[in-house]
Amino acid sequence: MANHEKHRFPINHVLGFFLSISMTILAMIVVFKTNFSSTVIMWFIGTLAFLQAGVQLFLFMHITEGQEKLTNLINIAYSAFLAFVIIIGSFWILTSGHAAY
């Protein structure tokens, strides 16, 4: 790595930090200052959480940089699949009445 690249200003980190903080503040404003239904609030918070995860992956973790771009994307896709299976499986077990009596 060249010496001038080593000491440059981390604009991606600063931008990611301010975007993350602004999304968090926006979510707090929606929760505490609006009269939206709980369903709308949950969808809004979920959308902001998804966007914030994307900001952190691209601006903090540099997911598209380096030699292993495809490996990083495959790992993220696999992690998302596992999270989906765990969430849907938990929901299915908890709501379908398979409890032992």
N, C-alpha and C. Protein backbone atom coordinates (compact mmCIF):
# COMPACT_ATOMS: atom_id res chain seq x y z
N MET A 1 0.84 -1.17 0.00
CA MET A 1 0.00 0.00 0.00
C MET A 1 0.89 1.24 0.00
N ALA A 2 0.56 2.18 -0.83
CA ALA A 2 1.35 3.41 -0.92
C ALA A 2 1.18 4.23 0.36
N ASN A 3 2.17 5.02 0.65
CA ASN A 3 2.18 5.81 1.89
C ASN A 3 1.05 6.83 1.93
N HIS A 4 0.70 7.42 0.78
CA HIS A 4 -0.37 8.43 0.78
C HIS A 4 -1.74 7.80 1.02
N GLU A 5 -1.93 6.53 0.67
CA GLU A 5 -3.20 5.86 0.93
C GLU A 5 -3.35 5.50 2.40
N LYS A 6 -2.25 5.33 3.08
CA LYS A 6 -2.28 4.90 4.46
C LYS A 6 -2.82 5.98 5.40
N HIS A 7 -2.63 7.25 5.07
CA HIS A 7 -2.99 8.34 5.97
C HIS A 7 -4.12 9.21 5.45
N ARG A 8 -4.91 8.72 4.54
CA ARG A 8 -6.00 9.56 4.02
C ARG A 8 -7.17 9.57 5.01
N PHE A 9 -8.02 10.57 4.88
CA PHE A 9 -9.15 10.77 5.79
C PHE A 9 -10.20 9.69 5.55
N PRO A 10 -10.72 9.07 6.60
CA PRO A 10 -11.70 7.96 6.44
C PRO A 10 -13.11 8.49 6.20
N ILE A 11 -13.35 9.06 5.05
CA ILE A 11 -14.65 9.69 4.76
C ILE A 11 -15.78 8.65 4.79
N ASN A 12 -15.50 7.41 4.36
CA ASN A 12 -16.54 6.37 4.39
C ASN A 12 -16.99 6.08 5.81
N HIS A 13 -16.06 6.07 6.74
CA HIS A 13 -16.42 5.81 8.13
C HIS A 13 -17.24 6.96 8.72
N VAL A 14 -16.86 8.16 8.42
CA VAL A 14 -17.60 9.33 8.93
C VAL A 14 -19.00 9.37 8.32
N LEU A 15 -19.09 9.15 7.02
CA LEU A 15 -20.39 9.13 6.34
C LEU A 15 -21.27 8.01 6.91
N GLY A 16 -20.70 6.81 7.08
CA GLY A 16 -21.46 5.70 7.65
C GLY A 16 -21.92 5.99 9.06
N PHE A 17 -21.06 6.63 9.86
CA PHE A 17 -21.42 6.97 11.23
C PHE A 17 -22.61 7.93 11.25
N PHE A 18 -22.56 8.99 10.45
CA PHE A 18 -23.65 9.97 10.45
C PHE A 18 -24.94 9.39 9.86
N LEU A 19 -24.82 8.53 8.86
CA LEU A 19 -26.02 7.89 8.33
C LEU A 19 -26.65 6.97 9.38
N SER A 20 -25.83 6.21 10.08
CA SER A 20 -26.35 5.30 11.12
C SER A 20 -27.00 6.08 12.25
N ILE A 21 -26.36 7.14 12.70
CA ILE A 21 -26.93 7.96 13.77
C ILE A 21 -28.23 8.61 13.32
N SER A 22 -28.26 9.11 12.10
CA SER A 22 -29.48 9.78 11.62
C SER A 22 -30.64 8.79 11.49
N MET A 23 -30.35 7.56 11.06
CA MET A 23 -31.43 6.56 10.97
C MET A 23 -31.93 6.17 12.36
N THR A 24 -31.03 6.09 13.32
CA THR A 24 -31.43 5.77 14.69
C THR A 24 -32.29 6.89 15.27
N ILE A 25 -31.90 8.13 15.07
CA ILE A 25 -32.67 9.27 15.56
C ILE A 25 -34.03 9.33 14.87
N LEU A 26 -34.06 9.06 13.57
CA LEU A 26 -35.32 9.04 12.83
C LEU A 26 -36.26 7.98 13.39
N ALA A 27 -35.73 6.80 13.70
CA ALA A 27 -36.56 5.74 14.29
C ALA A 27 -37.10 6.18 15.65
N MET A 28 -36.27 6.82 16.45
CA MET A 28 -36.73 7.29 17.77
C MET A 28 -37.81 8.35 17.63
N ILE A 29 -37.67 9.24 16.66
CA ILE A 29 -38.69 10.26 16.44
C ILE A 29 -40.01 9.62 16.05
N VAL A 30 -39.96 8.63 15.16
CA VAL A 30 -41.19 7.96 14.73
C VAL A 30 -41.85 7.25 15.91
N VAL A 31 -41.05 6.62 16.76
CA VAL A 31 -41.62 5.88 17.89
C VAL A 31 -42.23 6.83 18.92
N PHE A 32 -41.52 7.89 19.26
CA PHE A 32 -41.94 8.72 20.39
C PHE A 32 -42.78 9.94 20.02
N LYS A 33 -42.75 10.37 18.78
CA LYS A 33 -43.41 11.63 18.42
C LYS A 33 -44.55 11.49 17.42
N THR A 34 -44.85 10.28 16.95
CA THR A 34 -45.93 10.14 15.97
C THR A 34 -47.06 9.30 16.57
N ASN A 35 -48.18 9.33 15.90
CA ASN A 35 -49.34 8.55 16.32
C ASN A 35 -49.62 7.41 15.35
N PHE A 36 -48.57 6.89 14.71
CA PHE A 36 -48.75 5.79 13.78
C PHE A 36 -49.14 4.53 14.56
N SER A 37 -49.78 3.60 13.87
CA SER A 37 -50.12 2.33 14.51
C SER A 37 -48.84 1.54 14.78
N SER A 38 -48.95 0.58 15.67
CA SER A 38 -47.77 -0.21 16.02
C SER A 38 -47.26 -1.01 14.81
N THR A 39 -48.15 -1.40 13.92
CA THR A 39 -47.73 -2.12 12.72
C THR A 39 -46.88 -1.24 11.82
N VAL A 40 -47.30 -0.02 11.61
CA VAL A 40 -46.54 0.92 10.77
C VAL A 40 -45.19 1.22 11.40
N ILE A 41 -45.18 1.41 12.70
CA ILE A 41 -43.92 1.70 13.40
C ILE A 41 -42.95 0.53 13.27
N MET A 42 -43.44 -0.69 13.43
CA MET A 42 -42.57 -1.86 13.32
C MET A 42 -42.02 -2.02 11.90
N TRP A 43 -42.84 -1.77 10.89
CA TRP A 43 -42.36 -1.84 9.52
C TRP A 43 -41.31 -0.76 9.26
N PHE A 44 -41.54 0.42 9.79
CA PHE A 44 -40.60 1.52 9.61
C PHE A 44 -39.27 1.20 10.28
N ILE A 45 -39.32 0.70 11.51
CA ILE A 45 -38.09 0.35 12.21
C ILE A 45 -37.37 -0.80 11.50
N GLY A 46 -38.11 -1.79 11.04
CA GLY A 46 -37.49 -2.90 10.30
C GLY A 46 -36.81 -2.45 9.02
N THR A 47 -37.45 -1.54 8.30
CA THR A 47 -36.85 -1.00 7.08
C THR A 47 -35.58 -0.23 7.39
N LEU A 48 -35.63 0.62 8.42
CA LEU A 48 -34.43 1.37 8.80
C LEU A 48 -33.31 0.44 9.28
N ALA A 49 -33.66 -0.63 9.97
CA ALA A 49 -32.65 -1.58 10.44
C ALA A 49 -31.98 -2.27 9.25
N PHE A 50 -32.77 -2.64 8.26
CA PHE A 50 -32.22 -3.27 7.05
C PHE A 50 -31.30 -2.29 6.32
N LEU A 51 -31.72 -1.04 6.18
CA LEU A 51 -30.88 -0.04 5.52
C LEU A 51 -29.60 0.23 6.32
N GLN A 52 -29.72 0.28 7.62
CA GLN A 52 -28.55 0.53 8.46
C GLN A 52 -27.55 -0.63 8.38
N ALA A 53 -28.05 -1.84 8.30
CA ALA A 53 -27.16 -2.99 8.12
C ALA A 53 -26.41 -2.88 6.80
N GLY A 54 -27.10 -2.45 5.75
CA GLY A 54 -26.44 -2.24 4.46
C GLY A 54 -25.37 -1.16 4.52
N VAL A 55 -25.68 -0.06 5.19
CA VAL A 55 -24.71 1.02 5.36
C VAL A 55 -23.47 0.51 6.07
N GLN A 56 -23.67 -0.26 7.11
CA GLN A 56 -22.53 -0.76 7.88
C GLN A 56 -21.72 -1.78 7.08
N LEU A 57 -22.38 -2.62 6.30
CA LEU A 57 -21.64 -3.58 5.48
C LEU A 57 -20.78 -2.88 4.43
N PHE A 58 -21.32 -1.88 3.79
CA PHE A 58 -20.59 -1.25 2.69
C PHE A 58 -19.62 -0.17 3.14
N LEU A 59 -19.97 0.60 4.16
CA LEU A 59 -19.11 1.71 4.55
C LEU A 59 -18.14 1.38 5.67
N PHE A 60 -18.52 0.50 6.58
CA PHE A 60 -17.62 0.15 7.68
C PHE A 60 -16.83 -1.12 7.38
N MET A 61 -17.49 -2.13 6.87
CA MET A 61 -16.84 -3.42 6.68
C MET A 61 -16.24 -3.59 5.28
N HIS A 62 -16.47 -2.63 4.39
CA HIS A 62 -15.88 -2.62 3.04
C HIS A 62 -16.13 -3.95 2.33
N ILE A 63 -17.38 -4.34 2.28
CA ILE A 63 -17.74 -5.66 1.78
C ILE A 63 -17.39 -5.84 0.30
N THR A 64 -17.32 -4.78 -0.47
CA THR A 64 -17.04 -4.92 -1.90
C THR A 64 -15.58 -4.62 -2.23
N GLU A 65 -14.74 -4.48 -1.22
CA GLU A 65 -13.33 -4.20 -1.47
C GLU A 65 -12.49 -5.45 -1.25
N GLY A 66 -11.32 -5.45 -1.82
CA GLY A 66 -10.38 -6.54 -1.57
C GLY A 66 -10.49 -7.65 -2.59
N GLN A 67 -9.73 -8.69 -2.34
CA GLN A 67 -9.62 -9.82 -3.26
C GLN A 67 -10.81 -10.77 -3.17
N GLU A 68 -11.45 -10.82 -2.02
CA GLU A 68 -12.47 -11.84 -1.77
C GLU A 68 -13.89 -11.28 -1.90
N LYS A 69 -14.17 -10.51 -2.92
CA LYS A 69 -15.50 -9.91 -3.06
C LYS A 69 -16.58 -10.98 -3.14
N LEU A 70 -16.40 -11.97 -3.98
CA LEU A 70 -17.41 -13.00 -4.15
C LEU A 70 -17.56 -13.83 -2.88
N THR A 71 -16.47 -14.14 -2.23
CA THR A 71 -16.53 -14.90 -0.99
C THR A 71 -17.30 -14.14 0.07
N ASN A 72 -17.06 -12.84 0.18
CA ASN A 72 -17.79 -12.02 1.15
C ASN A 72 -19.28 -12.01 0.87
N LEU A 73 -19.65 -11.87 -0.39
CA LEU A 73 -21.07 -11.84 -0.74
C LEU A 73 -21.74 -13.20 -0.50
N ILE A 74 -21.02 -14.28 -0.78
CA ILE A 74 -21.57 -15.61 -0.51
C ILE A 74 -21.76 -15.81 0.98
N ASN A 75 -20.80 -15.37 1.79
CA ASN A 75 -20.93 -15.50 3.24
C ASN A 75 -22.12 -14.69 3.77
N ILE A 76 -22.35 -13.52 3.23
CA ILE A 76 -23.49 -12.70 3.65
C ILE A 76 -24.80 -13.37 3.24
N ALA A 77 -24.86 -13.89 2.03
CA ALA A 77 -26.07 -14.57 1.58
C ALA A 77 -26.36 -15.79 2.45
N TYR A 78 -25.34 -16.55 2.79
CA TYR A 78 -25.52 -17.72 3.64
C TYR A 78 -25.98 -17.32 5.04
N SER A 79 -25.41 -16.25 5.58
CA SER A 79 -25.82 -15.76 6.90
C SER A 79 -27.26 -15.29 6.88
N ALA A 80 -27.66 -14.60 5.83
CA ALA A 80 -29.05 -14.15 5.71
C ALA A 80 -29.99 -15.35 5.62
N PHE A 81 -29.59 -16.38 4.87
CA PHE A 81 -30.40 -17.59 4.77
C PHE A 81 -30.56 -18.25 6.14
N LEU A 82 -29.47 -18.37 6.88
CA LEU A 82 -29.55 -18.97 8.21
C LEU A 82 -30.44 -18.16 9.14
N ALA A 83 -30.32 -16.85 9.11
CA ALA A 83 -31.17 -16.00 9.94
C ALA A 83 -32.64 -16.19 9.57
N PHE A 84 -32.92 -16.26 8.28
CA PHE A 84 -34.28 -16.47 7.81
C PHE A 84 -34.84 -17.80 8.31
N VAL A 85 -34.05 -18.86 8.20
CA VAL A 85 -34.49 -20.19 8.64
C VAL A 85 -34.74 -20.20 10.15
N ILE A 86 -33.85 -19.58 10.91
CA ILE A 86 -34.01 -19.54 12.37
C ILE A 86 -35.26 -18.76 12.76
N ILE A 87 -35.48 -17.61 12.14
CA ILE A 87 -36.63 -16.78 12.48
C ILE A 87 -37.93 -17.45 12.08
N ILE A 88 -38.00 -17.93 10.84
CA ILE A 88 -39.23 -18.58 10.38
C ILE A 88 -39.48 -19.88 11.15
N GLY A 89 -38.42 -20.65 11.40
CA GLY A 89 -38.58 -21.89 12.17
C GLY A 89 -39.05 -21.62 13.59
N SER A 90 -38.50 -20.61 14.22
CA SER A 90 -38.93 -20.26 15.57
C SER A 90 -40.38 -19.81 15.58
N PHE A 91 -40.75 -18.99 14.62
CA PHE A 91 -42.13 -18.53 14.53
C PHE A 91 -43.08 -19.71 14.31
N TRP A 92 -42.69 -20.63 13.45
CA TRP A 92 -43.53 -21.80 13.17
C TRP A 92 -43.72 -22.66 14.41
N ILE A 93 -42.63 -22.93 15.12
CA ILE A 93 -42.71 -23.77 16.31
C ILE A 93 -43.54 -23.09 17.40
N LEU A 94 -43.35 -21.79 17.58
CA LEU A 94 -44.05 -21.09 18.66
C LEU A 94 -45.53 -20.87 18.37
N THR A 95 -45.93 -20.88 17.12
CA THR A 95 -47.33 -20.57 16.79
C THR A 95 -48.15 -21.78 16.34
N SER A 96 -47.51 -22.92 16.11
CA SER A 96 -48.28 -24.03 15.53
C SER A 96 -48.78 -25.03 16.56
N GLY A 97 -48.57 -24.79 17.83
CA GLY A 97 -49.14 -25.64 18.86
C GLY A 97 -48.43 -26.96 19.05
N HIS A 98 -47.15 -27.01 18.81
CA HIS A 98 -46.39 -28.24 18.99
C HIS A 98 -45.82 -28.37 20.40
N ALA A 99 -46.41 -27.69 21.35
CA ALA A 99 -45.89 -27.73 22.71
C ALA A 99 -46.26 -29.06 23.36
N ALA A 100 -45.38 -29.56 24.19
CA ALA A 100 -45.65 -30.81 24.94
C ALA A 100 -46.51 -30.48 26.15
N TYR A 101 -47.54 -31.28 26.35
CA TYR A 101 -48.44 -31.03 27.48
C TYR A 101 -48.23 -32.04 28.54
